[in-house]
Structure formats: C-alpha cells, structure tokens
Amino acid sequence: MIRIRADELRYQAALRGWDQRSLARAAGVSEGTVSRLLTGSGVRPSTLLRLARALKKQPALSGLEAVVDRSAP
C-alpha cells in the first residue's frame, strides 16, 4: 500500500471543481475508496494510477488556484 497526501488529493480535486463523488467517478473507483484516501488510508498502486490518470485528463479550472485554500480539510 502507498500512502498519499490526502490534503493534496483534496486540493487537486477542488481545482477541478470535483467533490469526492466526482473524483471517484472520474477515476473509476468507489466513493468509499476516495473517502478512505482522504482520511489517510493507503492505496494500491493500481488505484493510485487511476487517480493520477483522472487528474491528468481533466486540467484544473482556470483561476481556481487563486481561491482554493490548500490547507482546508
């Protein structure tokens, strides 16, 4: 299992206008999986690859970097 930075995953999803459900759908994983990741659980490499591909496929929405709080839980 690989540990990821939940705060960074949450931030990257927010930059795309995604909530937990939208991120799960885009990555093809369950919402429960995303929920566990956002609370600090580890992830299988294959799941991490799905998340990375989904984030890469959908670029951040223009201008959100300036308004999304990187430190928000």
N, C-alpha and C. Protein backbone atom coordinates (compact mmCIF):
# COMPACT_ATOMS: atom_id res chain seq x y z
N MET A 1 0.84 -1.19 0.00
CA MET A 1 0.00 0.00 0.00
C MET A 1 0.88 1.25 0.00
N ILE A 2 0.42 2.23 -0.70
CA ILE A 2 1.13 3.50 -0.81
C ILE A 2 0.34 4.57 -0.06
N ARG A 3 1.02 5.34 0.74
CA ARG A 3 0.38 6.44 1.45
C ARG A 3 0.48 7.70 0.59
N ILE A 4 -0.63 8.40 0.46
CA ILE A 4 -0.61 9.65 -0.30
C ILE A 4 -0.96 10.80 0.63
N ARG A 5 -0.72 11.99 0.17
CA ARG A 5 -1.08 13.18 0.94
C ARG A 5 -2.54 13.51 0.66
N ALA A 6 -3.38 13.20 1.62
CA ALA A 6 -4.82 13.42 1.46
C ALA A 6 -5.13 14.88 1.17
N ASP A 7 -4.40 15.79 1.82
CA ASP A 7 -4.65 17.21 1.60
C ASP A 7 -4.37 17.60 0.15
N GLU A 8 -3.37 17.01 -0.46
CA GLU A 8 -3.04 17.33 -1.85
C GLU A 8 -4.08 16.74 -2.80
N LEU A 9 -4.55 15.54 -2.50
CA LEU A 9 -5.60 14.93 -3.33
C LEU A 9 -6.87 15.78 -3.27
N ARG A 10 -7.23 16.22 -2.08
CA ARG A 10 -8.40 17.06 -1.90
C ARG A 10 -8.24 18.38 -2.67
N TYR A 11 -7.04 18.96 -2.60
CA TYR A 11 -6.75 20.21 -3.29
C TYR A 11 -6.84 20.02 -4.81
N GLN A 12 -6.23 18.97 -5.31
CA GLN A 12 -6.25 18.72 -6.75
C GLN A 12 -7.67 18.50 -7.26
N ALA A 13 -8.48 17.79 -6.49
CA ALA A 13 -9.88 17.58 -6.87
C ALA A 13 -10.62 18.92 -6.89
N ALA A 14 -10.39 19.75 -5.87
CA ALA A 14 -11.06 21.05 -5.78
C ALA A 14 -10.70 21.94 -6.95
N LEU A 15 -9.45 21.88 -7.40
CA LEU A 15 -9.03 22.69 -8.54
C LEU A 15 -9.78 22.32 -9.81
N ARG A 16 -10.33 21.13 -9.83
CA ARG A 16 -11.08 20.67 -10.99
C ARG A 16 -12.59 20.81 -10.79
N GLY A 17 -12.96 21.36 -9.64
CA GLY A 17 -14.37 21.53 -9.33
C GLY A 17 -15.05 20.23 -8.91
N TRP A 18 -14.24 19.25 -8.48
CA TRP A 18 -14.77 17.93 -8.12
C TRP A 18 -14.96 17.80 -6.62
N ASP A 19 -16.03 17.14 -6.26
CA ASP A 19 -16.20 16.69 -4.89
C ASP A 19 -15.74 15.23 -4.85
N GLN A 20 -15.91 14.61 -3.72
CA GLN A 20 -15.47 13.22 -3.52
C GLN A 20 -16.12 12.27 -4.54
N ARG A 21 -17.40 12.43 -4.76
CA ARG A 21 -18.13 11.57 -5.70
C ARG A 21 -17.63 11.76 -7.13
N SER A 22 -17.40 13.01 -7.52
CA SER A 22 -16.91 13.30 -8.87
C SER A 22 -15.52 12.72 -9.10
N LEU A 23 -14.65 12.84 -8.11
CA LEU A 23 -13.31 12.27 -8.22
C LEU A 23 -13.38 10.76 -8.38
N ALA A 24 -14.20 10.12 -7.57
CA ALA A 24 -14.35 8.66 -7.65
C ALA A 24 -14.84 8.25 -9.04
N ARG A 25 -15.84 8.94 -9.52
CA ARG A 25 -16.41 8.62 -10.83
C ARG A 25 -15.37 8.81 -11.93
N ALA A 26 -14.64 9.91 -11.89
CA ALA A 26 -13.64 10.20 -12.92
C ALA A 26 -12.51 9.16 -12.92
N ALA A 27 -12.17 8.66 -11.74
CA ALA A 27 -11.07 7.70 -11.62
C ALA A 27 -11.54 6.26 -11.78
N GLY A 28 -12.85 6.04 -11.75
CA GLY A 28 -13.37 4.69 -11.87
C GLY A 28 -13.15 3.86 -10.62
N VAL A 29 -13.20 4.52 -9.47
CA VAL A 29 -13.07 3.84 -8.18
C VAL A 29 -14.31 4.16 -7.36
N SER A 30 -14.48 3.44 -6.28
CA SER A 30 -15.65 3.68 -5.45
C SER A 30 -15.49 4.96 -4.62
N GLU A 31 -16.62 5.52 -4.26
CA GLU A 31 -16.59 6.69 -3.40
C GLU A 31 -15.99 6.34 -2.04
N GLY A 32 -16.23 5.12 -1.60
CA GLY A 32 -15.64 4.65 -0.33
C GLY A 32 -14.12 4.65 -0.38
N THR A 33 -13.56 4.26 -1.54
CA THR A 33 -12.11 4.28 -1.70
C THR A 33 -11.58 5.70 -1.57
N VAL A 34 -12.21 6.63 -2.23
CA VAL A 34 -11.78 8.03 -2.15
C VAL A 34 -11.92 8.53 -0.71
N SER A 35 -13.00 8.18 -0.05
CA SER A 35 -13.21 8.58 1.33
C SER A 35 -12.08 8.08 2.23
N ARG A 36 -11.70 6.82 2.05
CA ARG A 36 -10.60 6.26 2.86
C ARG A 36 -9.28 6.98 2.58
N LEU A 37 -9.05 7.30 1.31
CA LEU A 37 -7.82 8.02 0.95
C LEU A 37 -7.77 9.40 1.60
N LEU A 38 -8.93 10.04 1.64
CA LEU A 38 -8.99 11.39 2.21
C LEU A 38 -8.87 11.39 3.73
N THR A 39 -8.92 10.22 4.33
CA THR A 39 -8.71 10.12 5.78
C THR A 39 -7.35 9.51 6.11
N GLY A 40 -6.51 9.34 5.07
CA GLY A 40 -5.13 8.91 5.32
C GLY A 40 -4.83 7.44 5.12
N SER A 41 -5.78 6.66 4.62
CA SER A 41 -5.51 5.24 4.37
C SER A 41 -4.60 5.09 3.16
N GLY A 42 -3.93 3.96 3.09
CA GLY A 42 -3.06 3.66 1.97
C GLY A 42 -3.87 3.27 0.74
N VAL A 43 -3.19 3.22 -0.40
CA VAL A 43 -3.83 2.93 -1.66
C VAL A 43 -2.97 1.93 -2.45
N ARG A 44 -3.62 1.07 -3.18
CA ARG A 44 -2.88 0.16 -4.06
C ARG A 44 -2.31 0.95 -5.23
N PRO A 45 -1.17 0.51 -5.76
CA PRO A 45 -0.58 1.22 -6.90
C PRO A 45 -1.55 1.36 -8.07
N SER A 46 -2.35 0.35 -8.34
CA SER A 46 -3.29 0.43 -9.46
C SER A 46 -4.35 1.51 -9.24
N THR A 47 -4.78 1.68 -8.01
CA THR A 47 -5.76 2.72 -7.69
C THR A 47 -5.11 4.09 -7.79
N LEU A 48 -3.90 4.20 -7.33
CA LEU A 48 -3.17 5.47 -7.44
C LEU A 48 -3.01 5.86 -8.90
N LEU A 49 -2.73 4.90 -9.74
CA LEU A 49 -2.59 5.17 -11.17
C LEU A 49 -3.90 5.67 -11.77
N ARG A 50 -5.02 5.09 -11.36
CA ARG A 50 -6.34 5.54 -11.84
C ARG A 50 -6.59 6.99 -11.44
N LEU A 51 -6.27 7.32 -10.19
CA LEU A 51 -6.46 8.69 -9.71
C LEU A 51 -5.57 9.66 -10.49
N ALA A 52 -4.32 9.29 -10.67
CA ALA A 52 -3.38 10.16 -11.38
C ALA A 52 -3.85 10.39 -12.81
N ARG A 53 -4.31 9.35 -13.47
CA ARG A 53 -4.79 9.49 -14.85
C ARG A 53 -6.01 10.40 -14.92
N ALA A 54 -6.93 10.24 -13.97
CA ALA A 54 -8.13 11.08 -13.96
C ALA A 54 -7.77 12.54 -13.75
N LEU A 55 -6.85 12.81 -12.84
CA LEU A 55 -6.43 14.19 -12.58
C LEU A 55 -5.70 14.78 -13.78
N LYS A 56 -4.90 13.97 -14.45
CA LYS A 56 -4.17 14.46 -15.62
C LYS A 56 -5.12 14.72 -16.80
N LYS A 57 -6.13 13.88 -16.93
CA LYS A 57 -7.07 14.00 -18.04
C LYS A 57 -7.92 15.28 -17.94
N GLN A 58 -8.23 15.68 -16.72
CA GLN A 58 -9.07 16.87 -16.50
C GLN A 58 -8.21 17.98 -15.90
N PRO A 59 -7.78 18.94 -16.68
CA PRO A 59 -6.94 20.01 -16.13
C PRO A 59 -7.71 20.86 -15.11
N ALA A 60 -6.94 21.52 -14.27
CA ALA A 60 -7.53 22.43 -13.28
C ALA A 60 -8.31 23.53 -13.99
N LEU A 61 -9.40 23.95 -13.39
CA LEU A 61 -10.20 25.03 -13.94
C LEU A 61 -9.45 26.35 -13.75
N SER A 62 -9.43 27.14 -14.77
CA SER A 62 -8.70 28.40 -14.77
C SER A 62 -9.14 29.31 -13.62
N GLY A 63 -8.17 29.79 -12.89
CA GLY A 63 -8.43 30.75 -11.82
C GLY A 63 -8.68 30.15 -10.45
N LEU A 64 -8.92 28.83 -10.37
CA LEU A 64 -9.23 28.26 -9.06
C LEU A 64 -8.03 28.22 -8.11
N GLU A 65 -6.82 28.21 -8.66
CA GLU A 65 -5.63 28.18 -7.80
C GLU A 65 -5.63 29.37 -6.85
N ALA A 66 -6.17 30.48 -7.31
CA ALA A 66 -6.17 31.70 -6.50
C ALA A 66 -7.21 31.68 -5.39
N VAL A 67 -8.21 30.82 -5.49
CA VAL A 67 -9.28 30.87 -4.49
C VAL A 67 -9.43 29.60 -3.65
N VAL A 68 -8.85 28.50 -4.09
CA VAL A 68 -8.97 27.26 -3.31
C VAL A 68 -7.93 27.26 -2.21
N ASP A 69 -8.38 27.05 -1.00
CA ASP A 69 -7.50 27.03 0.18
C ASP A 69 -6.78 25.69 0.25
N ARG A 70 -5.48 25.70 0.03
CA ARG A 70 -4.68 24.48 0.04
C ARG A 70 -4.68 23.81 1.42
N SER A 71 -4.88 24.56 2.48
CA SER A 71 -4.79 23.99 3.82
C SER A 71 -6.15 23.55 4.38
N ALA A 72 -7.22 23.71 3.61
CA ALA A 72 -8.56 23.35 4.12
C ALA A 72 -8.68 21.84 4.26
N PRO A 73 -9.34 21.38 5.30
CA PRO A 73 -9.52 19.92 5.49
C PRO A 73 -10.51 19.33 4.52
